[in-house]
Protein backbone atom coordinates (compact mmCIF):
# COMPACT_ATOMS: atom_id res chain seq x y z
CA UNK A 1 0.00 0.00 0.00
CA UNK A 2 1.62 3.25 -1.13
CA UNK A 3 0.54 6.58 0.25
CA UNK A 4 1.27 9.90 -1.48
CA UNK A 5 0.80 13.30 0.15
CA UNK A 6 -2.17 14.99 -1.48
CA UNK A 7 -4.07 18.18 -0.79
CA UNK A 8 -6.84 17.69 1.71
CA UNK A 9 -9.97 19.78 1.95
CA UNK A 10 -9.29 20.42 5.65
CA UNK A 11 -5.67 21.55 5.10
CA UNK A 12 -5.04 25.01 6.57
CA UNK A 13 -4.56 27.65 3.89
CA UNK A 14 -0.94 28.17 2.94
CA UNK A 15 0.40 25.11 4.81
CA UNK A 16 2.84 23.19 2.64
CA UNK A 17 4.74 20.25 4.19
CA UNK A 18 8.00 21.14 2.42
CA UNK A 19 10.58 20.64 5.20
CA UNK A 20 13.20 18.12 4.03
CA UNK A 21 12.34 15.73 6.88
CA UNK A 22 8.63 15.58 6.07
CA UNK A 23 7.39 12.28 4.64
CA UNK A 24 6.49 12.45 0.95
CA UNK A 25 5.32 8.86 0.57
CA UNK A 26 5.36 5.53 2.36
CA UNK A 27 4.15 1.98 1.96
CA UNK A 28 3.14 -0.54 4.58
CA UNK A 29 5.34 -3.65 4.45
CA UNK A 30 4.90 -7.06 6.12
CA UNK A 31 6.11 -7.42 9.71
CA UNK A 32 5.07 -3.93 10.91
CA UNK A 33 7.52 -2.16 8.63
CA UNK A 34 7.14 1.09 6.72
CA UNK A 35 9.12 1.92 3.57
CA UNK A 36 9.43 5.71 3.72
CA UNK A 37 10.48 8.44 1.27
CA UNK A 38 11.11 11.95 2.59
CA UNK A 39 10.73 15.25 0.77
CA UNK A 40 14.53 15.53 0.33
CA UNK A 41 14.67 12.07 -1.34
CA UNK A 42 16.04 10.17 1.67
CA UNK A 43 14.58 6.65 1.72
CA UNK A 44 14.56 3.79 4.15
CA UNK A 45 12.59 1.27 6.15
CA UNK A 46 11.39 1.69 9.72
CA UNK A 47 10.68 -1.61 11.49
CA UNK A 48 8.06 -0.89 14.17
CA UNK A 49 7.63 -4.50 15.34
CA UNK A 50 9.29 -3.90 18.72
CA UNK A 51 7.40 -0.66 19.27
CA UNK A 52 3.94 -2.20 18.78
CA UNK A 53 4.78 -5.31 20.84
CA UNK A 54 6.77 -3.60 23.62
CA UNK A 55 6.11 -3.90 27.34
CA UNK A 56 4.29 -0.57 27.50
CA UNK A 57 3.30 0.27 23.93
CA UNK A 58 0.72 2.90 24.93
CA UNK A 59 -1.13 4.27 21.92
CA UNK A 60 1.04 2.08 19.65
CA UNK A 61 -0.37 -1.13 21.18
CA UNK A 62 -3.43 -0.96 18.94
CA UNK A 63 -1.10 -1.10 15.92
CA UNK A 64 -0.14 -4.68 16.84
CA UNK A 65 -3.27 -5.69 14.92
CA UNK A 66 -2.12 -5.81 11.27
CA UNK A 67 -5.52 -4.53 10.11
CA UNK A 68 -5.06 -1.40 12.26
CA UNK A 69 -1.39 -0.98 11.30
CA UNK A 70 -2.38 -0.97 7.62
CA UNK A 71 -4.68 2.01 8.23
CA UNK A 72 -1.65 4.32 8.31
CA UNK A 73 -2.11 7.53 6.37
CA UNK A 74 -0.14 10.67 5.58
CA UNK A 75 -1.23 14.00 7.04
CA UNK A 76 0.88 17.07 6.26
CA UNK A 77 4.03 14.97 5.96
CA UNK A 78 3.41 12.94 9.14
CA UNK A 79 2.49 9.22 9.26
CA UNK A 80 -0.61 8.86 11.43
CA UNK A 81 -3.21 6.26 12.41
CA UNK A 82 -6.93 6.69 13.19
CA UNK A 83 -6.38 5.99 16.92
CA UNK A 84 -4.21 9.13 17.25
CA UNK A 85 -0.80 7.44 17.03
CA UNK A 86 1.76 9.18 14.85
CA UNK A 87 5.50 9.16 14.14
CA UNK A 88 7.70 12.24 14.43
CA UNK A 89 9.00 12.71 10.87
CA UNK A 90 12.13 14.56 12.02
CA UNK A 91 13.09 11.63 14.29
CA UNK A 92 12.38 9.14 11.48
CA UNK A 93 14.49 11.17 9.06
CA UNK A 94 17.44 11.39 11.47
CA UNK A 95 17.46 7.66 12.17
CA UNK A 96 16.88 6.53 8.58
CA UNK A 97 19.63 8.92 7.40
CA UNK A 98 22.03 7.02 9.70
CA UNK A 99 20.85 3.54 8.73
CA UNK A 100 18.54 2.80 5.82
CA UNK A 101 16.91 -0.10 7.67
CA UNK A 102 16.09 0.92 11.22
CA UNK A 103 14.60 -1.13 14.08
CA UNK A 104 12.57 1.34 16.12
CA UNK A 105 13.20 0.80 19.85
CA UNK A 106 10.36 -0.16 22.17
PDB file of N, CA and C in Angstrom:
ATOM      1  N   UNK A   1       0.840  -1.155   0.000  1.00  0.00           N
ATOM      2  CA  UNK A   1       0.000   0.000   0.000  1.00  0.00           C
ATOM      3  C   UNK A   1       0.894   1.230   0.000  1.00  0.00           C
ATOM      4  N   UNK A   2       0.800   2.046  -1.024  1.00  0.00           N
ATOM      5  CA  UNK A   2       1.618   3.248  -1.135  1.00  0.00           C
ATOM      6  C   UNK A   2       0.750   4.460  -0.869  1.00  0.00           C
ATOM      7  N   UNK A   3       1.280   5.384  -0.115  1.00  0.00           N
ATOM      8  CA  UNK A   3       0.544   6.584   0.247  1.00  0.00           C
ATOM      9  C   UNK A   3       1.316   7.791  -0.281  1.00  0.00           C
ATOM     10  N   UNK A   4       0.651   8.673  -0.986  1.00  0.00           N
ATOM     11  CA  UNK A   4       1.265   9.903  -1.476  1.00  0.00           C
ATOM     12  C   UNK A   4       0.589  11.076  -0.788  1.00  0.00           C
ATOM     13  N   UNK A   5       1.358  12.088  -0.450  1.00  0.00           N
ATOM     14  CA  UNK A   5       0.795  13.298   0.150  1.00  0.00           C
ATOM     15  C   UNK A   5      -0.052  14.005  -0.898  1.00  0.00           C
ATOM     16  N   UNK A   6      -1.275  14.297  -0.569  1.00  0.00           N
ATOM     17  CA  UNK A   6      -2.171  14.987  -1.478  1.00  0.00           C
ATOM     18  C   UNK A   6      -2.865  16.103  -0.705  1.00  0.00           C
ATOM     19  N   UNK A   7      -3.321  17.103  -1.433  1.00  0.00           N
ATOM     20  CA  UNK A   7      -4.066  18.177  -0.786  1.00  0.00           C
ATOM     21  C   UNK A   7      -5.319  17.607  -0.144  1.00  0.00           C
ATOM     22  N   UNK A   8      -5.634  18.108   1.016  1.00  0.00           N
ATOM     23  CA  UNK A   8      -6.844  17.693   1.708  1.00  0.00           C
ATOM     24  C   UNK A   8      -7.746  18.908   1.837  1.00  0.00           C
ATOM     25  N   UNK A   9      -9.041  18.670   1.846  1.00  0.00           N
ATOM     26  CA  UNK A   9      -9.968  19.781   1.946  1.00  0.00           C
ATOM     27  C   UNK A   9      -9.870  20.483   3.290  1.00  0.00           C
ATOM     28  N   UNK A  10      -9.397  19.792   4.332  1.00  0.00           N
ATOM     29  CA  UNK A  10      -9.291  20.420   5.649  1.00  0.00           C
ATOM     30  C   UNK A  10      -7.896  20.977   5.927  1.00  0.00           C
ATOM     31  N   UNK A  11      -7.026  21.023   4.934  1.00  0.00           N
ATOM     32  CA  UNK A  11      -5.670  21.549   5.103  1.00  0.00           C
ATOM     33  C   UNK A  11      -5.750  23.063   5.328  1.00  0.00           C
ATOM     34  N   UNK A  12      -5.062  23.559   6.342  1.00  0.00           N
ATOM     35  CA  UNK A  12      -5.042  25.010   6.566  1.00  0.00           C
ATOM     36  C   UNK A  12      -4.461  25.742   5.356  1.00  0.00           C
ATOM     37  N   UNK A  13      -5.021  26.870   5.043  1.00  0.00           N
ATOM     38  CA  UNK A  13      -4.564  27.648   3.892  1.00  0.00           C
ATOM     39  C   UNK A  13      -3.093  28.005   4.029  1.00  0.00           C
ATOM     40  N   UNK A  14      -2.339  27.786   2.974  1.00  0.00           N
ATOM     41  CA  UNK A  14      -0.943  28.168   2.943  1.00  0.00           C
ATOM     42  C   UNK A  14       0.014  27.188   3.594  1.00  0.00           C
ATOM     43  N   UNK A  15      -0.481  26.081   4.153  1.00  0.00           N
ATOM     44  CA  UNK A  15       0.396  25.112   4.805  1.00  0.00           C
ATOM     45  C   UNK A  15       0.905  24.126   3.758  1.00  0.00           C
ATOM     46  N   UNK A  16       2.214  24.092   3.596  1.00  0.00           N
ATOM     47  CA  UNK A  16       2.841  23.191   2.640  1.00  0.00           C
ATOM     48  C   UNK A  16       3.902  22.389   3.395  1.00  0.00           C
ATOM     49  N   UNK A  17       3.751  21.049   3.465  1.00  0.00           N
ATOM     50  CA  UNK A  17       4.743  20.246   4.188  1.00  0.00           C
ATOM     51  C   UNK A  17       6.022  20.082   3.375  1.00  0.00           C
ATOM     52  N   UNK A  18       6.832  21.141   3.297  1.00  0.00           N
ATOM     53  CA  UNK A  18       8.004  21.141   2.423  1.00  0.00           C
ATOM     54  C   UNK A  18       9.329  20.952   3.155  1.00  0.00           C
ATOM     55  N   UNK A  19       9.325  20.855   4.472  1.00  0.00           N
ATOM     56  CA  UNK A  19      10.578  20.639   5.202  1.00  0.00           C
ATOM     57  C   UNK A  19      11.208  19.350   4.699  1.00  0.00           C
ATOM     58  N   UNK A  20      12.532  19.299   4.599  1.00  0.00           N
ATOM     59  CA  UNK A  20      13.199  18.121   4.026  1.00  0.00           C
ATOM     60  C   UNK A  20      12.914  16.837   4.790  1.00  0.00           C
ATOM     61  N   UNK A  21      12.585  16.922   6.069  1.00  0.00           N
ATOM     62  CA  UNK A  21      12.335  15.733   6.884  1.00  0.00           C
ATOM     63  C   UNK A  21      10.866  15.314   6.888  1.00  0.00           C
ATOM     64  N   UNK A  22      10.024  16.004   6.171  1.00  0.00           N
ATOM     65  CA  UNK A  22       8.627  15.579   6.069  1.00  0.00           C
ATOM     66  C   UNK A  22       8.546  14.344   5.176  1.00  0.00           C
ATOM     67  N   UNK A  23       7.590  13.486   5.439  1.00  0.00           N
ATOM     68  CA  UNK A  23       7.389  12.278   4.643  1.00  0.00           C
ATOM     69  C   UNK A  23       6.625  12.650   3.378  1.00  0.00           C
ATOM     70  N   UNK A  24       7.164  12.229   2.233  1.00  0.00           N
ATOM     71  CA  UNK A  24       6.487  12.451   0.951  1.00  0.00           C
ATOM     72  C   UNK A  24       5.590  11.267   0.613  1.00  0.00           C
ATOM     73  N   UNK A  25       6.085  10.068   0.892  1.00  0.00           N
ATOM     74  CA  UNK A  25       5.324   8.858   0.566  1.00  0.00           C
ATOM     75  C   UNK A  25       5.809   7.719   1.459  1.00  0.00           C
ATOM     76  N   UNK A  26       4.943   6.725   1.632  1.00  0.00           N
ATOM     77  CA  UNK A  26       5.355   5.528   2.361  1.00  0.00           C
ATOM     78  C   UNK A  26       4.484   4.369   1.921  1.00  0.00           C
ATOM     79  N   UNK A  27       4.960   3.171   2.205  1.00  0.00           N
ATOM     80  CA  UNK A  27       4.147   1.983   1.960  1.00  0.00           C
ATOM     81  C   UNK A  27       4.272   1.068   3.165  1.00  0.00           C
ATOM     82  N   UNK A  28       3.173   0.416   3.482  1.00  0.00           N
ATOM     83  CA  UNK A  28       3.139  -0.544   4.580  1.00  0.00           C
ATOM     84  C   UNK A  28       3.706  -1.857   4.066  1.00  0.00           C
ATOM     85  N   UNK A  29       4.677  -2.403   4.801  1.00  0.00           N
ATOM     86  CA  UNK A  29       5.339  -3.653   4.446  1.00  0.00           C
ATOM     87  C   UNK A  29       4.973  -4.723   5.470  1.00  0.00           C
ATOM     88  N   UNK A  30       5.158  -6.002   5.143  1.00  0.00           N
ATOM     89  CA  UNK A  30       4.900  -7.060   6.123  1.00  0.00           C
ATOM     90  C   UNK A  30       5.789  -6.902   7.362  1.00  0.00           C
ATOM     91  N   UNK A  31       5.314  -7.417   8.488  1.00  0.00           N
ATOM     92  CA  UNK A  31       6.107  -7.423   9.708  1.00  0.00           C
ATOM     93  C   UNK A  31       6.179  -6.074  10.397  1.00  0.00           C
ATOM     94  N   UNK A  32       5.144  -5.243  10.247  1.00  0.00           N
ATOM     95  CA  UNK A  32       5.072  -3.934  10.913  1.00  0.00           C
ATOM     96  C   UNK A  32       6.208  -3.008  10.485  1.00  0.00           C
ATOM     97  N   UNK A  33       6.464  -2.994   9.185  1.00  0.00           N
ATOM     98  CA  UNK A  33       7.520  -2.160   8.626  1.00  0.00           C
ATOM     99  C   UNK A  33       6.905  -1.124   7.694  1.00  0.00           C
ATOM    100  N   UNK A  34       7.561   0.023   7.617  1.00  0.00           N
ATOM    101  CA  UNK A  34       7.142   1.094   6.717  1.00  0.00           C
ATOM    102  C   UNK A  34       8.324   1.469   5.824  1.00  0.00           C
ATOM    103  N   UNK A  35       8.128   1.415   4.520  1.00  0.00           N
ATOM    104  CA  UNK A  35       9.122   1.918   3.570  1.00  0.00           C
ATOM    105  C   UNK A  35       8.777   3.390   3.347  1.00  0.00           C
ATOM    106  N   UNK A  36       9.721   4.283   3.660  1.00  0.00           N
ATOM    107  CA  UNK A  36       9.431   5.714   3.721  1.00  0.00           C
ATOM    108  C   UNK A  36      10.326   6.483   2.755  1.00  0.00           C
ATOM    109  N   UNK A  37       9.742   7.488   2.093  1.00  0.00           N
ATOM    110  CA  UNK A  37      10.485   8.440   1.267  1.00  0.00           C
ATOM    111  C   UNK A  37      10.184   9.831   1.800  1.00  0.00           C
ATOM    112  N   UNK A  38      11.242  10.591   2.062  1.00  0.00           N
ATOM    113  CA  UNK A  38      11.107  11.945   2.588  1.00  0.00           C
ATOM    114  C   UNK A  38      11.159  12.962   1.462  1.00  0.00           C
ATOM    115  N   UNK A  39      10.759  14.179   1.759  1.00  0.00           N
ATOM    116  CA  UNK A  39      10.730  15.251   0.775  1.00  0.00           C
ATOM    117  C   UNK A  39      12.094  15.455   0.118  1.00  0.00           C
ATOM    118  N   UNK A  40      13.184  15.312   0.892  1.00  0.00           N
ATOM    119  CA  UNK A  40      14.532  15.525   0.333  1.00  0.00           C
ATOM    120  C   UNK A  40      15.067  14.315  -0.433  1.00  0.00           C
ATOM    121  N   UNK A  41      14.258  13.259  -0.577  1.00  0.00           N
ATOM    122  CA  UNK A  41      14.674  12.072  -1.336  1.00  0.00           C
ATOM    123  C   UNK A  41      15.272  10.962  -0.487  1.00  0.00           C
ATOM    124  N   UNK A  42      15.543  11.221   0.782  1.00  0.00           N
ATOM    125  CA  UNK A  42      16.039  10.169   1.674  1.00  0.00           C
ATOM    126  C   UNK A  42      14.997   9.064   1.735  1.00  0.00           C
ATOM    127  N   UNK A  43      15.476   7.806   1.686  1.00  0.00           N
ATOM    128  CA  UNK A  43      14.579   6.648   1.716  1.00  0.00           C
ATOM    129  C   UNK A  43      15.085   5.626   2.705  1.00  0.00           C
ATOM    130  N   UNK A  44      14.172   4.862   3.254  1.00  0.00           N
ATOM    131  CA  UNK A  44      14.564   3.790   4.148  1.00  0.00           C
ATOM    132  C   UNK A  44      13.352   3.048   4.676  1.00  0.00           C
ATOM    133  N   UNK A  45      13.628   2.108   5.562  1.00  0.00           N
ATOM    134  CA  UNK A  45      12.586   1.268   6.146  1.00  0.00           C
ATOM    135  C   UNK A  45      12.647   1.395   7.657  1.00  0.00           C
ATOM    136  N   UNK A  46      11.503   1.655   8.263  1.00  0.00           N
ATOM    137  CA  UNK A  46      11.393   1.686   9.719  1.00  0.00           C
ATOM    138  C   UNK A  46      10.641   0.430  10.145  1.00  0.00           C
ATOM    139  N   UNK A  47      11.281  -0.384  10.972  1.00  0.00           N
ATOM    140  CA  UNK A  47      10.681  -1.609  11.492  1.00  0.00           C
ATOM    141  C   UNK A  47      10.077  -1.281  12.857  1.00  0.00           C
ATOM    142  N   UNK A  48       8.751  -1.256  12.940  1.00  0.00           N
ATOM    143  CA  UNK A  48       8.057  -0.886  14.170  1.00  0.00           C
ATOM    144  C   UNK A  48       7.609  -2.099  14.985  1.00  0.00           C
ATOM    145  N   UNK A  49       8.095  -3.282  14.665  1.00  0.00           N
ATOM    146  CA  UNK A  49       7.626  -4.498  15.335  1.00  0.00           C
ATOM    147  C   UNK A  49       7.867  -4.467  16.841  1.00  0.00           C
ATOM    148  N   UNK A  50       9.016  -3.965  17.278  1.00  0.00           N
ATOM    149  CA  UNK A  50       9.291  -3.899  18.718  1.00  0.00           C
ATOM    150  C   UNK A  50       8.456  -2.820  19.395  1.00  0.00           C
ATOM    151  N   UNK A  51       8.195  -1.747  18.701  1.00  0.00           N
ATOM    152  CA  UNK A  51       7.400  -0.660  19.265  1.00  0.00           C
ATOM    153  C   UNK A  51       5.974  -1.113  19.553  1.00  0.00           C
ATOM    154  N   UNK A  52       5.343  -1.803  18.607  1.00  0.00           N
ATOM    155  CA  UNK A  52       3.945  -2.197  18.782  1.00  0.00           C
ATOM    156  C   UNK A  52       3.788  -3.360  19.754  1.00  0.00           C
ATOM    157  N   UNK A  53       4.849  -4.140  19.956  1.00  0.00           N
ATOM    158  CA  UNK A  53       4.777  -5.306  20.841  1.00  0.00           C
ATOM    159  C   UNK A  53       5.558  -5.105  22.138  1.00  0.00           C
ATOM    160  N   UNK A  54       5.973  -3.880  22.425  1.00  0.00           N
ATOM    161  CA  UNK A  54       6.766  -3.598  23.617  1.00  0.00           C
ATOM    162  C   UNK A  54       6.006  -3.817  24.912  1.00  0.00           C
ATOM    163  N   UNK A  55       6.726  -3.700  26.012  1.00  0.00           N
ATOM    164  CA  UNK A  55       6.113  -3.902  27.337  1.00  0.00           C
ATOM    165  C   UNK A  55       5.033  -2.877  27.638  1.00  0.00           C
ATOM    166  N   UNK A  56       5.257  -1.648  27.272  1.00  0.00           N
ATOM    167  CA  UNK A  56       4.292  -0.566  27.496  1.00  0.00           C
ATOM    168  C   UNK A  56       4.095   0.213  26.191  1.00  0.00           C
ATOM    169  N   UNK A  57       3.381  -0.372  25.232  1.00  0.00           N
ATOM    170  CA  UNK A  57       3.295   0.273  23.926  1.00  0.00           C
ATOM    171  C   UNK A  57       2.401   1.514  23.884  1.00  0.00           C
ATOM    172  N   UNK A  58       1.602   1.727  24.925  1.00  0.00           N
ATOM    173  CA  UNK A  58       0.724   2.896  24.933  1.00  0.00           C
ATOM    174  C   UNK A  58      -0.178   2.933  23.714  1.00  0.00           C
ATOM    175  N   UNK A  59      -0.261   4.090  23.076  1.00  0.00           N
ATOM    176  CA  UNK A  59      -1.129   4.272  21.920  1.00  0.00           C
ATOM    177  C   UNK A  59      -0.711   3.374  20.751  1.00  0.00           C
ATOM    178  N   UNK A  60       0.559   2.938  20.737  1.00  0.00           N
ATOM    179  CA  UNK A  60       1.040   2.081  19.648  1.00  0.00           C
ATOM    180  C   UNK A  60       0.595   0.627  19.800  1.00  0.00           C
ATOM    181  N   UNK A  61       0.086   0.237  20.958  1.00  0.00           N
ATOM    182  CA  UNK A  61      -0.371  -1.134  21.182  1.00  0.00           C
ATOM    183  C   UNK A  61      -1.457  -1.556  20.214  1.00  0.00           C
ATOM    184  N   UNK A  62      -2.349  -0.646  19.880  1.00  0.00           N
ATOM    185  CA  UNK A  62      -3.434  -0.963  18.937  1.00  0.00           C
ATOM    186  C   UNK A  62      -2.892  -1.325  17.556  1.00  0.00           C
ATOM    187  N   UNK A  63      -1.687  -0.838  17.244  1.00  0.00           N
ATOM    188  CA  UNK A  63      -1.098  -1.098  15.924  1.00  0.00           C
ATOM    189  C   UNK A  63      -0.573  -2.523  15.795  1.00  0.00           C
ATOM    190  N   UNK A  64      -0.563  -3.286  16.898  1.00  0.00           N
ATOM    191  CA  UNK A  64      -0.137  -4.683  16.838  1.00  0.00           C
ATOM    192  C   UNK A  64      -1.104  -5.530  16.016  1.00  0.00           C
ATOM    193  N   UNK A  65      -2.301  -5.032  15.807  1.00  0.00           N
ATOM    194  CA  UNK A  65      -3.265  -5.686  14.921  1.00  0.00           C
ATOM    195  C   UNK A  65      -2.917  -5.248  13.498  1.00  0.00           C
ATOM    196  N   UNK A  66      -2.517  -6.193  12.629  1.00  0.00           N
ATOM    197  CA  UNK A  66      -2.119  -5.812  11.265  1.00  0.00           C
ATOM    198  C   UNK A  66      -3.184  -4.999  10.524  1.00  0.00           C
ATOM    199  N   UNK A  67      -4.454  -5.279  10.779  1.00  0.00           N
ATOM    200  CA  UNK A  67      -5.522  -4.528  10.107  1.00  0.00           C
ATOM    201  C   UNK A  67      -5.511  -3.060  10.532  1.00  0.00           C
ATOM    202  N   UNK A  68      -5.157  -2.787  11.776  1.00  0.00           N
ATOM    203  CA  UNK A  68      -5.061  -1.404  12.258  1.00  0.00           C
ATOM    204  C   UNK A  68      -3.779  -0.770  11.734  1.00  0.00           C
ATOM    205  N   UNK A  69      -2.671  -1.503  11.782  1.00  0.00           N
ATOM    206  CA  UNK A  69      -1.388  -0.978  11.297  1.00  0.00           C
ATOM    207  C   UNK A  69      -1.503  -0.521   9.839  1.00  0.00           C
ATOM    208  N   UNK A  70      -2.232  -1.285   9.038  1.00  0.00           N
ATOM    209  CA  UNK A  70      -2.385  -0.973   7.616  1.00  0.00           C
ATOM    210  C   UNK A  70      -3.239   0.264   7.357  1.00  0.00           C
ATOM    211  N   UNK A  71      -3.861   0.808   8.390  1.00  0.00           N
ATOM    212  CA  UNK A  71      -4.678   2.013   8.234  1.00  0.00           C
ATOM    213  C   UNK A  71      -3.839   3.292   8.291  1.00  0.00           C
ATOM    214  N   UNK A  72      -2.529   3.157   8.287  1.00  0.00           N
ATOM    215  CA  UNK A  72      -1.646   4.324   8.313  1.00  0.00           C
ATOM    216  C   UNK A  72      -1.986   5.248   7.153  1.00  0.00           C
ATOM    217  N   UNK A  73      -1.853   6.539   7.422  1.00  0.00           N
ATOM    218  CA  UNK A  73      -2.106   7.534   6.375  1.00  0.00           C
ATOM    219  C   UNK A  73      -1.121   8.685   6.553  1.00  0.00           C
ATOM    220  N   UNK A  74      -1.069   9.539   5.577  1.00  0.00           N
ATOM    221  CA  UNK A  74      -0.141  10.665   5.581  1.00  0.00           C
ATOM    222  C   UNK A  74      -0.933  11.953   5.757  1.00  0.00           C
ATOM    223  N   UNK A  75      -0.583  12.719   6.788  1.00  0.00           N
ATOM    224  CA  UNK A  75      -1.231  14.000   7.044  1.00  0.00           C
ATOM    225  C   UNK A  75      -0.156  15.073   7.205  1.00  0.00           C
ATOM    226  N   UNK A  76      -0.094  15.973   6.236  1.00  0.00           N
ATOM    227  CA  UNK A  76       0.879  17.067   6.256  1.00  0.00           C
ATOM    228  C   UNK A  76       2.296  16.582   6.503  1.00  0.00           C
ATOM    229  N   UNK A  77       2.664  15.486   5.864  1.00  0.00           N
ATOM    230  CA  UNK A  77       4.026  14.966   5.955  1.00  0.00           C
ATOM    231  C   UNK A  77       4.306  14.142   7.190  1.00  0.00           C
ATOM    232  N   UNK A  78       3.275  13.739   7.924  1.00  0.00           N
ATOM    233  CA  UNK A  78       3.412  12.939   9.140  1.00  0.00           C
ATOM    234  C   UNK A  78       2.607  11.650   8.963  1.00  0.00           C
ATOM    235  N   UNK A  79       3.213  10.501   9.298  1.00  0.00           N
ATOM    236  CA  UNK A  79       2.491   9.222   9.256  1.00  0.00           C
ATOM    237  C   UNK A  79       1.638   9.130  10.512  1.00  0.00           C
ATOM    238  N   UNK A  80       0.334   8.910  10.323  1.00  0.00           N
ATOM    239  CA  UNK A  80      -0.614   8.857  11.435  1.00  0.00           C
ATOM    240  C   UNK A  80      -1.524   7.643  11.302  1.00  0.00           C
ATOM    241  N   UNK A  81      -2.214   7.319  12.385  1.00  0.00           N
ATOM    242  CA  UNK A  81      -3.215   6.261  12.411  1.00  0.00           C
ATOM    243  C   UNK A  81      -4.499   6.820  12.992  1.00  0.00           C
ATOM    244  N   UNK A  82      -5.646   6.190  12.696  1.00  0.00           N
ATOM    245  CA  UNK A  82      -6.930   6.693  13.186  1.00  0.00           C
ATOM    246  C   UNK A  82      -7.052   6.763  14.718  1.00  0.00           C
ATOM    247  N   UNK A  83      -6.273   5.971  15.451  1.00  0.00           N
ATOM    248  CA  UNK A  83      -6.377   5.994  16.919  1.00  0.00           C
ATOM    249  C   UNK A  83      -5.588   7.146  17.547  1.00  0.00           C
ATOM    250  N   UNK A  84      -4.956   7.994  16.738  1.00  0.00           N
ATOM    251  CA  UNK A  84      -4.208   9.132  17.250  1.00  0.00           C
ATOM    252  C   UNK A  84      -2.709   8.914  17.302  1.00  0.00           C
ATOM    253  N   UNK A  85      -2.245   7.700  17.055  1.00  0.00           N
ATOM    254  CA  UNK A  85      -0.802   7.436  17.027  1.00  0.00           C
ATOM    255  C   UNK A  85      -0.194   8.134  15.809  1.00  0.00           C
ATOM    256  N   UNK A  86       1.036   8.614  15.977  1.00  0.00           N
ATOM    257  CA  UNK A  86       1.764   9.180  14.854  1.00  0.00           C
ATOM    258  C   UNK A  86       3.259   8.995  15.096  1.00  0.00           C
ATOM    259  N   UNK A  87       4.037   9.288  14.065  1.00  0.00           N
ATOM    260  CA  UNK A  87       5.496   9.159  14.142  1.00  0.00           C
ATOM    261  C   UNK A  87       6.116  10.504  13.798  1.00  0.00           C
ATOM    262  N   UNK A  88       7.013  10.974  14.647  1.00  0.00           N
ATOM    263  CA  UNK A  88       7.697  12.239  14.430  1.00  0.00           C
ATOM    264  C   UNK A  88       8.563  12.119  13.171  1.00  0.00           C
ATOM    265  N   UNK A  89       8.246  12.863  12.113  1.00  0.00           N
ATOM    266  CA  UNK A  89       9.004  12.709  10.869  1.00  0.00           C
ATOM    267  C   UNK A  89      10.459  13.154  10.986  1.00  0.00           C
ATOM    268  N   UNK A  90      10.750  14.125  11.845  1.00  0.00           N
ATOM    269  CA  UNK A  90      12.135  14.563  12.025  1.00  0.00           C
ATOM    270  C   UNK A  90      12.966  13.444  12.644  1.00  0.00           C
ATOM    271  N   UNK A  91      12.420  12.778  13.642  1.00  0.00           N
ATOM    272  CA  UNK A  91      13.086  11.632  14.291  1.00  0.00           C
ATOM    273  C   UNK A  91      13.302  10.507  13.278  1.00  0.00           C
ATOM    274  N   UNK A  92      12.261  10.173  12.507  1.00  0.00           N
ATOM    275  CA  UNK A  92      12.381   9.135  11.484  1.00  0.00           C
ATOM    276  C   UNK A  92      13.497   9.488  10.496  1.00  0.00           C
ATOM    277  N   UNK A  93      13.504  10.725  10.041  1.00  0.00           N
ATOM    278  CA  UNK A  93      14.491  11.170   9.058  1.00  0.00           C
ATOM    279  C   UNK A  93      15.911  11.049   9.619  1.00  0.00           C
ATOM    280  N   UNK A  94      16.108  11.483  10.849  1.00  0.00           N
ATOM    281  CA  UNK A  94      17.441  11.387  11.465  1.00  0.00           C
ATOM    282  C   UNK A  94      17.920   9.937  11.531  1.00  0.00           C
ATOM    283  N   UNK A  95      17.068   9.060  11.998  1.00  0.00           N
ATOM    284  CA  UNK A  95      17.461   7.657  12.171  1.00  0.00           C
ATOM    285  C   UNK A  95      17.655   6.951  10.832  1.00  0.00           C
ATOM    286  N   UNK A  96      16.757   7.184   9.890  1.00  0.00           N
ATOM    287  CA  UNK A  96      16.877   6.534   8.582  1.00  0.00           C
ATOM    288  C   UNK A  96      18.065   7.098   7.808  1.00  0.00           C
ATOM    289  N   UNK A  97      18.429   8.355   8.038  1.00  0.00           N
ATOM    290  CA  UNK A  97      19.625   8.924   7.404  1.00  0.00           C
ATOM    291  C   UNK A  97      20.883   8.209   7.883  1.00  0.00           C
ATOM    292  N   UNK A  98      20.877   7.734   9.135  1.00  0.00           N
ATOM    293  CA  UNK A  98      22.031   7.020   9.703  1.00  0.00           C
ATOM    294  C   UNK A  98      22.093   5.570   9.243  1.00  0.00           C
ATOM    295  N   UNK A  99      20.925   4.951   9.117  1.00  0.00           N
ATOM    296  CA  UNK A  99      20.852   3.538   8.731  1.00  0.00           C
ATOM    297  C   UNK A  99      19.564   3.328   7.946  1.00  0.00           C
ATOM    298  N   UNK A 100      19.686   2.895   6.707  1.00  0.00           N
ATOM    299  CA  UNK A 100      18.536   2.799   5.815  1.00  0.00           C
ATOM    300  C   UNK A 100      17.476   1.822   6.319  1.00  0.00           C
ATOM    301  N   UNK A 101      17.878   0.826   7.076  1.00  0.00           N
ATOM    302  CA  UNK A 101      16.906  -0.097   7.675  1.00  0.00           C
ATOM    303  C   UNK A 101      17.052   0.034   9.176  1.00  0.00           C
ATOM    304  N   UNK A 102      16.015   0.528   9.829  1.00  0.00           N
ATOM    305  CA  UNK A 102      16.093   0.921  11.223  1.00  0.00           C
ATOM    306  C   UNK A 102      15.046   0.199  12.058  1.00  0.00           C
ATOM    307  N   UNK A 103      15.499  -0.460  13.137  1.00  0.00           N
ATOM    308  CA  UNK A 103      14.602  -1.129  14.075  1.00  0.00           C
ATOM    309  C   UNK A 103      14.250  -0.135  15.167  1.00  0.00           C
ATOM    310  N   UNK A 104      13.019   0.352  15.152  1.00  0.00           N
ATOM    311  CA  UNK A 104      12.572   1.341  16.120  1.00  0.00           C
ATOM    312  C   UNK A 104      12.560   0.715  17.519  1.00  0.00           C
ATOM    313  N   UNK A 105      13.158   1.373  18.494  1.00  0.00           N
ATOM    314  CA  UNK A 105      13.203   0.802  19.852  1.00  0.00           C
ATOM    315  C   UNK A 105      11.823   0.792  20.498  1.00  0.00           C
ATOM    316  N   UNK A 106      11.649  -0.126  21.462  1.00  0.00           N
ATOM    317  CA  UNK A 106      10.364  -0.162  22.172  1.00  0.00           C
ATOM    318  C   UNK A 106      10.387   0.757  23.369  1.00  0.00           C
TER     319      UNK A 106
END
